[in-house]
Amino acid sequence: MKTAIYPGSFDPITIGHIDIVERAATLFDKVILGGAESKSKNPLFSVDERMGRISDIVKGNAKIEVVGYARRLTVDLARDNGAIASLR
């Protein structure tokens, strides 16, 4: 299974972010959109709020998984999920 991760703060999520993750879903078996906590950026929304909104937006695409992560490095998220690519 080819898995890619798309890390970011996504605060707020944009049409451009959604376009990238949906295009990636055509290239990979699974795309994990990882929402970082990033308190240093003074986020508008909590990680849970952001991931909830994003999940609602992409719920029709079974290839996209939305996860929030805090106190972890992006490389750990990739390794734990067997990702072979990171999207930017």
C-alpha atoms as a PDB file:
ATOM      1  CA  MET A   1       0.000   0.000   0.000  1.00  0.00           C
ATOM      2  CA  LYS A   2       1.413   3.386  -1.004  1.00  0.00           C
ATOM      3  CA  THR A   3       0.773   5.940   1.734  1.00  0.00           C
ATOM      4  CA  ALA A   4       1.549   9.661   1.723  1.00  0.00           C
ATOM      5  CA  ILE A   5       1.261  12.210   4.509  1.00  0.00           C
ATOM      6  CA  TYR A   6       0.214  15.815   4.166  1.00  0.00           C
ATOM      7  CA  PRO A   7       1.357  17.605   7.325  1.00  0.00           C
ATOM      8  CA  GLY A   8       0.437  21.150   8.275  1.00  0.00           C
ATOM      9  CA  SER A   9      -1.405  23.326  10.725  1.00  0.00           C
ATOM     10  CA  PHE A  10      -4.408  23.840   8.396  1.00  0.00           C
ATOM     11  CA  ASP A  11      -5.584  26.824  10.429  1.00  0.00           C
ATOM     12  CA  PRO A  12      -7.805  27.415   8.606  1.00  0.00           C
ATOM     13  CA  ILE A  13      -8.130  24.788   5.890  1.00  0.00           C
ATOM     14  CA  THR A  14      -8.282  26.297   2.394  1.00  0.00           C
ATOM     15  CA  ILE A  15      -9.605  25.207  -0.987  1.00  0.00           C
ATOM     16  CA  GLY A  16      -5.964  24.841  -2.056  1.00  0.00           C
ATOM     17  CA  HIS A  17      -5.265  22.384   0.776  1.00  0.00           C
ATOM     18  CA  ILE A  18      -8.319  20.328  -0.187  1.00  0.00           C
ATOM     19  CA  ASP A  19      -7.288  20.356  -3.850  1.00  0.00           C
ATOM     20  CA  ILE A  20      -3.827  19.005  -2.995  1.00  0.00           C
ATOM     21  CA  VAL A  21      -5.094  16.199  -0.748  1.00  0.00           C
ATOM     22  CA  GLU A  22      -7.774  15.155  -3.260  1.00  0.00           C
ATOM     23  CA  ARG A  23      -5.259  15.085  -6.126  1.00  0.00           C
ATOM     24  CA  ALA A  24      -2.853  13.067  -3.988  1.00  0.00           C
ATOM     25  CA  ALA A  25      -5.618  10.551  -3.291  1.00  0.00           C
ATOM     26  CA  THR A  26      -5.609   9.712  -7.010  1.00  0.00           C
ATOM     27  CA  LEU A  27      -1.880   8.889  -6.837  1.00  0.00           C
ATOM     28  CA  PHE A  28      -1.650   7.024  -3.526  1.00  0.00           C
ATOM     29  CA  ASP A  29      -3.629   4.240  -1.879  1.00  0.00           C
ATOM     30  CA  LYS A  30      -3.946   6.310   1.295  1.00  0.00           C
ATOM     31  CA  VAL A  31      -3.289   9.965   2.170  1.00  0.00           C
ATOM     32  CA  ILE A  32      -3.002  10.979   5.802  1.00  0.00           C
ATOM     33  CA  LEU A  33      -3.737  14.636   6.407  1.00  0.00           C
ATOM     34  CA  GLY A  34      -1.925  15.356   9.660  1.00  0.00           C
ATOM     35  CA  GLY A  35      -2.929  18.468  11.548  1.00  0.00           C
ATOM     36  CA  ALA A  36      -0.167  19.697  13.824  1.00  0.00           C
ATOM     37  CA  GLU A  37      -0.929  21.381  17.120  1.00  0.00           C
ATOM     38  CA  SER A  38       1.508  24.332  16.558  1.00  0.00           C
ATOM     39  CA  LYS A  39       0.666  26.471  19.603  1.00  0.00           C
ATOM     40  CA  SER A  40       3.467  28.876  18.657  1.00  0.00           C
ATOM     41  CA  LYS A  41       1.361  30.049  15.684  1.00  0.00           C
ATOM     42  CA  ASN A  42      -1.517  31.140  17.958  1.00  0.00           C
ATOM     43  CA  PRO A  43      -4.100  29.017  16.128  1.00  0.00           C
ATOM     44  CA  LEU A  44      -7.630  30.229  15.526  1.00  0.00           C
ATOM     45  CA  PHE A  45      -9.036  26.738  16.165  1.00  0.00           C
ATOM     46  CA  SER A  46      -7.967  23.789  18.325  1.00  0.00           C
ATOM     47  CA  VAL A  47      -6.556  20.677  16.668  1.00  0.00           C
ATOM     48  CA  ASP A  48      -9.805  18.819  17.361  1.00  0.00           C
ATOM     49  CA  GLU A  49     -11.899  21.600  15.782  1.00  0.00           C
ATOM     50  CA  ARG A  50      -9.667  21.733  12.701  1.00  0.00           C
ATOM     51  CA  MET A  51      -9.602  17.962  12.244  1.00  0.00           C
ATOM     52  CA  GLY A  52     -13.379  17.771  12.725  1.00  0.00           C
ATOM     53  CA  ARG A  53     -14.015  20.350  10.024  1.00  0.00           C
ATOM     54  CA  ILE A  54     -11.549  18.709   7.649  1.00  0.00           C
ATOM     55  CA  SER A  55     -13.081  15.270   8.274  1.00  0.00           C
ATOM     56  CA  ASP A  56     -16.487  16.672   7.322  1.00  0.00           C
ATOM     57  CA  ILE A  57     -15.060  18.079   4.083  1.00  0.00           C
ATOM     58  CA  VAL A  58     -13.275  14.888   2.927  1.00  0.00           C
ATOM     59  CA  LYS A  59     -15.711  12.304   4.332  1.00  0.00           C
ATOM     60  CA  GLY A  60     -16.687  11.189   0.828  1.00  0.00           C
ATOM     61  CA  ASN A  61     -13.163  10.018   0.011  1.00  0.00           C
ATOM     62  CA  ALA A  62     -12.243   6.769   1.792  1.00  0.00           C
ATOM     63  CA  LYS A  63      -8.579   7.160   0.770  1.00  0.00           C
ATOM     64  CA  ILE A  64      -8.108  10.251   2.975  1.00  0.00           C
ATOM     65  CA  GLU A  65      -7.535   9.859   6.704  1.00  0.00           C
ATOM     66  CA  VAL A  66      -7.501  12.916   8.967  1.00  0.00           C
ATOM     67  CA  VAL A  67      -5.430  12.839  12.157  1.00  0.00           C
ATOM     68  CA  GLY A  68      -4.293  15.443  14.635  1.00  0.00           C
ATOM     69  CA  TYR A  69      -0.889  15.159  16.210  1.00  0.00           C
ATOM     70  CA  ALA A  70       0.867  16.959  19.010  1.00  0.00           C
ATOM     71  CA  ARG A  71       4.281  16.637  20.616  1.00  0.00           C
ATOM     72  CA  ARG A  72       5.429  14.391  17.768  1.00  0.00           C
ATOM     73  CA  LEU A  73       7.684  15.025  14.862  1.00  0.00           C
ATOM     74  CA  THR A  74       6.266  14.745  11.359  1.00  0.00           C
ATOM     75  CA  VAL A  75       8.837  12.050  10.611  1.00  0.00           C
ATOM     76  CA  ASP A  76       7.360   9.977  13.461  1.00  0.00           C
ATOM     77  CA  LEU A  77       3.871  10.349  11.978  1.00  0.00           C
ATOM     78  CA  ALA A  78       5.235   9.193   8.619  1.00  0.00           C
ATOM     79  CA  ARG A  79       7.165   6.263  10.083  1.00  0.00           C
ATOM     80  CA  ASP A  80       4.262   5.092  12.258  1.00  0.00           C
ATOM     81  CA  ASN A  81       1.982   5.024   9.203  1.00  0.00           C
ATOM     82  CA  GLY A  82       4.440   3.578   6.691  1.00  0.00           C
ATOM     83  CA  ALA A  83       4.334   6.687   4.504  1.00  0.00           C
ATOM     84  CA  ILE A  84       6.605   6.745   1.466  1.00  0.00           C
ATOM     85  CA  ALA A  85       5.982  10.387   0.575  1.00  0.00           C
ATOM     86  CA  SER A  86       5.273  13.748   2.200  1.00  0.00           C
ATOM     87  CA  LEU A  87       3.184  16.326   0.362  1.00  0.00           C
ATOM     88  CA  ARG A  88       3.912  20.065   0.346  1.00  0.00           C
END
